[in-house]
Amino acid sequence: MTPRTSTRKQNKWPIRKAPLAVISFFLLLWLAGNATGEPARVLEQAIRVCLSCIGIG
C-alpha cells in the first residue's frame, strides 16, 4: 500500500510577513516626509553645500 498524500495543495512560496511589514513602514515614512516638504529642504541644503564648495555661495 502506498502512503496517502494530502489533498491540500502545498504552497510553494509561503507569504513572509516581516519584509511586507518593513516595506510598508518605510513607505509610510516616505509619504510622511514628502507631505512635510523634506525633499525640497534636502535639495536646498545640497545646493547650498555645492555652491559653498566651489566658492560661489
PDB file of N, CA and C in Angstrom:
ATOM      1  N   MET A   1       0.817  -1.186   0.000  1.00  0.00           N
ATOM      2  CA  MET A   1       0.000   0.000   0.000  1.00  0.00           C
ATOM      3  C   MET A   1       0.865   1.257   0.000  1.00  0.00           C
ATOM      4  N   THR A   2       0.464   2.219  -0.780  1.00  0.00           N
ATOM      5  CA  THR A   2       1.214   3.477  -0.822  1.00  0.00           C
ATOM      6  C   THR A   2       0.655   4.427   0.224  1.00  0.00           C
ATOM      7  N   PRO A   3       1.539   5.246   0.800  1.00  0.00           N
ATOM      8  CA  PRO A   3       1.040   6.206   1.803  1.00  0.00           C
ATOM      9  C   PRO A   3       0.160   7.255   1.141  1.00  0.00           C
ATOM     10  N   ARG A   4      -0.836   7.683   1.874  1.00  0.00           N
ATOM     11  CA  ARG A   4      -1.754   8.695   1.339  1.00  0.00           C
ATOM     12  C   ARG A   4      -1.093  10.068   1.360  1.00  0.00           C
ATOM     13  N   THR A   5      -1.321  10.802   0.320  1.00  0.00           N
ATOM     14  CA  THR A   5      -0.826  12.173   0.276  1.00  0.00           C
ATOM     15  C   THR A   5      -1.987  13.103   0.587  1.00  0.00           C
ATOM     16  N   SER A   6      -1.656  14.202   1.130  1.00  0.00           N
ATOM     17  CA  SER A   6      -2.681  15.176   1.488  1.00  0.00           C
ATOM     18  C   SER A   6      -3.323  15.713   0.219  1.00  0.00           C
ATOM     19  N   THR A   7      -4.630  15.955   0.303  1.00  0.00           N
ATOM     20  CA  THR A   7      -5.321  16.504  -0.862  1.00  0.00           C
ATOM     21  C   THR A   7      -5.138  18.015  -0.957  1.00  0.00           C
ATOM     22  N   ARG A   8      -4.655  18.637   0.127  1.00  0.00           N
ATOM     23  CA  ARG A   8      -4.383  20.080   0.079  1.00  0.00           C
ATOM     24  C   ARG A   8      -3.128  20.336  -0.730  1.00  0.00           C
ATOM     25  N   LYS A   9      -3.194  21.348  -1.533  1.00  0.00           N
ATOM     26  CA  LYS A   9      -2.041  21.709  -2.339  1.00  0.00           C
ATOM     27  C   LYS A   9      -1.064  22.488  -1.468  1.00  0.00           C
ATOM     28  N   GLN A  10       0.184  22.079  -1.474  1.00  0.00           N
ATOM     29  CA  GLN A  10       1.205  22.754  -0.695  1.00  0.00           C
ATOM     30  C   GLN A  10       1.599  24.041  -1.411  1.00  0.00           C
ATOM     31  N   ASN A  11       1.664  25.129  -0.646  1.00  0.00           N
ATOM     32  CA  ASN A  11       2.079  26.407  -1.205  1.00  0.00           C
ATOM     33  C   ASN A  11       3.596  26.401  -1.355  1.00  0.00           C
ATOM     34  N   LYS A  12       4.057  26.608  -2.572  1.00  0.00           N
ATOM     35  CA  LYS A  12       5.483  26.568  -2.842  1.00  0.00           C
ATOM     36  C   LYS A  12       6.201  27.771  -2.246  1.00  0.00           C
ATOM     37  N   TRP A  13       5.554  28.923  -2.237  1.00  0.00           N
ATOM     38  CA  TRP A  13       6.141  30.158  -1.735  1.00  0.00           C
ATOM     39  C   TRP A  13       5.247  30.720  -0.629  1.00  0.00           C
ATOM     40  N   PRO A  14       5.548  30.436   0.614  1.00  0.00           N
ATOM     41  CA  PRO A  14       4.712  30.970   1.698  1.00  0.00           C
ATOM     42  C   PRO A  14       4.880  32.483   1.819  1.00  0.00           C
ATOM     43  N   ILE A  15       3.852  33.137   2.290  1.00  0.00           N
ATOM     44  CA  ILE A  15       3.895  34.596   2.439  1.00  0.00           C
ATOM     45  C   ILE A  15       4.729  34.943   3.666  1.00  0.00           C
ATOM     46  N   ARG A  16       5.760  35.745   3.450  1.00  0.00           N
ATOM     47  CA  ARG A  16       6.603  36.191   4.561  1.00  0.00           C
ATOM     48  C   ARG A  16       6.092  37.549   5.014  1.00  0.00           C
ATOM     49  N   LYS A  17       5.804  37.673   6.285  1.00  0.00           N
ATOM     50  CA  LYS A  17       5.175  38.891   6.793  1.00  0.00           C
ATOM     51  C   LYS A  17       6.171  39.969   7.189  1.00  0.00           C
ATOM     52  N   ALA A  18       7.346  39.613   7.620  1.00  0.00           N
ATOM     53  CA  ALA A  18       8.321  40.607   8.077  1.00  0.00           C
ATOM     54  C   ALA A  18       8.749  41.564   6.949  1.00  0.00           C
ATOM     55  N   PRO A  19       9.127  41.072   5.761  1.00  0.00           N
ATOM     56  CA  PRO A  19       9.500  42.019   4.697  1.00  0.00           C
ATOM     57  C   PRO A  19       8.337  42.923   4.297  1.00  0.00           C
ATOM     58  N   LEU A  20       7.139  42.393   4.308  1.00  0.00           N
ATOM     59  CA  LEU A  20       5.967  43.191   3.973  1.00  0.00           C
ATOM     60  C   LEU A  20       5.765  44.303   5.003  1.00  0.00           C
ATOM     61  N   ALA A  21       5.947  43.987   6.266  1.00  0.00           N
ATOM     62  CA  ALA A  21       5.796  44.983   7.326  1.00  0.00           C
ATOM     63  C   ALA A  21       6.875  46.059   7.222  1.00  0.00           C
ATOM     64  N   VAL A  22       8.114  45.669   6.950  1.00  0.00           N
ATOM     65  CA  VAL A  22       9.214  46.630   6.849  1.00  0.00           C
ATOM     66  C   VAL A  22       9.013  47.558   5.652  1.00  0.00           C
ATOM     67  N   ILE A  23       8.643  47.003   4.519  1.00  0.00           N
ATOM     68  CA  ILE A  23       8.414  47.821   3.323  1.00  0.00           C
ATOM     69  C   ILE A  23       7.245  48.777   3.549  1.00  0.00           C
ATOM     70  N   SER A  24       6.190  48.310   4.201  1.00  0.00           N
ATOM     71  CA  SER A  24       5.043  49.167   4.492  1.00  0.00           C
ATOM     72  C   SER A  24       5.435  50.304   5.425  1.00  0.00           C
ATOM     73  N   PHE A  25       6.245  50.004   6.437  1.00  0.00           N
ATOM     74  CA  PHE A  25       6.684  51.023   7.386  1.00  0.00           C
ATOM     75  C   PHE A  25       7.506  52.103   6.689  1.00  0.00           C
ATOM     76  N   PHE A  26       8.455  51.708   5.856  1.00  0.00           N
ATOM     77  CA  PHE A  26       9.287  52.688   5.165  1.00  0.00           C
ATOM     78  C   PHE A  26       8.509  53.458   4.108  1.00  0.00           C
ATOM     79  N   LEU A  27       7.516  52.844   3.508  1.00  0.00           N
ATOM     80  CA  LEU A  27       6.646  53.557   2.577  1.00  0.00           C
ATOM     81  C   LEU A  27       5.862  54.634   3.316  1.00  0.00           C
ATOM     82  N   LEU A  28       5.393  54.318   4.511  1.00  0.00           N
ATOM     83  CA  LEU A  28       4.685  55.292   5.331  1.00  0.00           C
ATOM     84  C   LEU A  28       5.601  56.460   5.713  1.00  0.00           C
ATOM     85  N   LEU A  29       6.846  56.156   6.086  1.00  0.00           N
ATOM     86  CA  LEU A  29       7.800  57.216   6.412  1.00  0.00           C
ATOM     87  C   LEU A  29       8.101  58.090   5.201  1.00  0.00           C
ATOM     88  N   TRP A  30       8.228  57.475   4.043  1.00  0.00           N
ATOM     89  CA  TRP A  30       8.499  58.215   2.809  1.00  0.00           C
ATOM     90  C   TRP A  30       7.346  59.160   2.482  1.00  0.00           C
ATOM     91  N   LEU A  31       6.117  58.669   2.633  1.00  0.00           N
ATOM     92  CA  LEU A  31       4.952  59.506   2.377  1.00  0.00           C
ATOM     93  C   LEU A  31       4.877  60.667   3.368  1.00  0.00           C
ATOM     94  N   ALA A  32       5.188  60.405   4.622  1.00  0.00           N
ATOM     95  CA  ALA A  32       5.167  61.460   5.633  1.00  0.00           C
ATOM     96  C   ALA A  32       6.234  62.511   5.325  1.00  0.00           C
ATOM     97  N   GLY A  33       7.405  62.089   4.893  1.00  0.00           N
ATOM     98  CA  GLY A  33       8.461  63.029   4.537  1.00  0.00           C
ATOM     99  C   GLY A  33       8.090  63.879   3.338  1.00  0.00           C
ATOM    100  N   ASN A  34       7.475  63.268   2.344  1.00  0.00           N
ATOM    101  CA  ASN A  34       7.041  64.031   1.170  1.00  0.00           C
ATOM    102  C   ASN A  34       5.942  65.017   1.529  1.00  0.00           C
ATOM    103  N   ALA A  35       5.059  64.641   2.425  1.00  0.00           N
ATOM    104  CA  ALA A  35       3.955  65.518   2.816  1.00  0.00           C
ATOM    105  C   ALA A  35       4.458  66.747   3.568  1.00  0.00           C
ATOM    106  N   THR A  36       5.573  66.627   4.273  1.00  0.00           N
ATOM    107  CA  THR A  36       6.094  67.764   5.040  1.00  0.00           C
ATOM    108  C   THR A  36       7.114  68.589   4.267  1.00  0.00           C
ATOM    109  N   GLY A  37       7.396  68.234   3.025  1.00  0.00           N
ATOM    110  CA  GLY A  37       8.292  69.039   2.202  1.00  0.00           C
ATOM    111  C   GLY A  37       9.765  68.754   2.407  1.00  0.00           C
ATOM    112  N   GLU A  38      10.112  67.608   2.906  1.00  0.00           N
ATOM    113  CA  GLU A  38      11.519  67.278   3.146  1.00  0.00           C
ATOM    114  C   GLU A  38      12.368  67.214   1.874  1.00  0.00           C
ATOM    115  N   PRO A  39      11.865  66.686   0.752  1.00  0.00           N
ATOM    116  CA  PRO A  39      12.728  66.651  -0.435  1.00  0.00           C
ATOM    117  C   PRO A  39      13.210  68.042  -0.867  1.00  0.00           C
ATOM    118  N   ALA A  40      12.356  69.029  -0.770  1.00  0.00           N
ATOM    119  CA  ALA A  40      12.763  70.384  -1.146  1.00  0.00           C
ATOM    120  C   ALA A  40      13.835  70.910  -0.191  1.00  0.00           C
ATOM    121  N   ARG A  41      13.687  70.604   1.085  1.00  0.00           N
ATOM    122  CA  ARG A  41      14.664  71.054   2.090  1.00  0.00           C
ATOM    123  C   ARG A  41      16.025  70.392   1.846  1.00  0.00           C
ATOM    124  N   VAL A  42      16.014  69.115   1.543  1.00  0.00           N
ATOM    125  CA  VAL A  42      17.270  68.401   1.288  1.00  0.00           C
ATOM    126  C   VAL A  42      17.946  68.947   0.040  1.00  0.00           C
ATOM    127  N   LEU A  43      17.170  69.217  -0.994  1.00  0.00           N
ATOM    128  CA  LEU A  43      17.731  69.778  -2.222  1.00  0.00           C
ATOM    129  C   LEU A  43      18.307  71.171  -1.968  1.00  0.00           C
ATOM    130  N   GLU A  44      17.607  71.961  -1.164  1.00  0.00           N
ATOM    131  CA  GLU A  44      18.097  73.290  -0.795  1.00  0.00           C
ATOM    132  C   GLU A  44      19.465  73.205  -0.124  1.00  0.00           C
ATOM    133  N   GLN A  45      19.578  72.319   0.832  1.00  0.00           N
ATOM    134  CA  GLN A  45      20.842  72.162   1.553  1.00  0.00           C
ATOM    135  C   GLN A  45      21.945  71.645   0.640  1.00  0.00           C
ATOM    136  N   ALA A  46      21.606  70.727  -0.258  1.00  0.00           N
ATOM    137  CA  ALA A  46      22.605  70.192  -1.178  1.00  0.00           C
ATOM    138  C   ALA A  46      23.135  71.281  -2.104  1.00  0.00           C
ATOM    139  N   ILE A  47      22.243  72.120  -2.593  1.00  0.00           N
ATOM    140  CA  ILE A  47      22.671  73.219  -3.467  1.00  0.00           C
ATOM    141  C   ILE A  47      23.571  74.177  -2.701  1.00  0.00           C
ATOM    142  N   ARG A  48      23.197  74.484  -1.464  1.00  0.00           N
ATOM    143  CA  ARG A  48      23.988  75.403  -0.649  1.00  0.00           C
ATOM    144  C   ARG A  48      25.389  74.838  -0.402  1.00  0.00           C
ATOM    145  N   VAL A  49      25.487  73.550  -0.104  1.00  0.00           N
ATOM    146  CA  VAL A  49      26.791  72.925   0.143  1.00  0.00           C
ATOM    147  C   VAL A  49      27.628  72.932  -1.139  1.00  0.00           C
ATOM    148  N   CYS A  50      27.020  72.601  -2.254  1.00  0.00           N
ATOM    149  CA  CYS A  50      27.767  72.566  -3.518  1.00  0.00           C
ATOM    150  C   CYS A  50      28.284  73.951  -3.892  1.00  0.00           C
ATOM    151  N   LEU A  51      27.421  74.952  -3.720  1.00  0.00           N
ATOM    152  CA  LEU A  51      27.853  76.306  -4.064  1.00  0.00           C
ATOM    153  C   LEU A  51      28.959  76.792  -3.141  1.00  0.00           C
ATOM    154  N   SER A  52      28.899  76.432  -1.878  1.00  0.00           N
ATOM    155  CA  SER A  52      29.956  76.858  -0.969  1.00  0.00           C
ATOM    156  C   SER A  52      31.260  76.113  -1.244  1.00  0.00           C
ATOM    157  N   CYS A  53      31.165  74.893  -1.751  1.00  0.00           N
ATOM    158  CA  CYS A  53      32.376  74.120  -2.078  1.00  0.00           C
ATOM    159  C   CYS A  53      33.143  74.748  -3.242  1.00  0.00           C
ATOM    160  N   ILE A  54      32.408  75.259  -4.215  1.00  0.00           N
ATOM    161  CA  ILE A  54      33.099  75.841  -5.371  1.00  0.00           C
ATOM    162  C   ILE A  54      33.355  77.334  -5.199  1.00  0.00           C
ATOM    163  N   GLY A  55      32.950  77.887  -4.026  1.00  0.00           N
ATOM    164  CA  GLY A  55      33.286  79.256  -3.708  1.00  0.00           C
ATOM    165  C   GLY A  55      32.317  80.300  -4.183  1.00  0.00           C
ATOM    166  N   ILE A  56      31.146  79.920  -4.610  1.00  0.00           N
ATOM    167  CA  ILE A  56      30.163  80.905  -5.075  1.00  0.00           C
ATOM    168  C   ILE A  56      29.269  81.377  -3.918  1.00  0.00           C
ATOM    169  N   GLY A  57      28.860  80.448  -3.077  1.00  0.00           N
ATOM    170  CA  GLY A  57      27.880  80.784  -2.044  1.00  0.00           C
ATOM    171  C   GLY A  57      28.477  81.058  -0.776  1.00  0.00           C
TER     172      GLY A  57
END
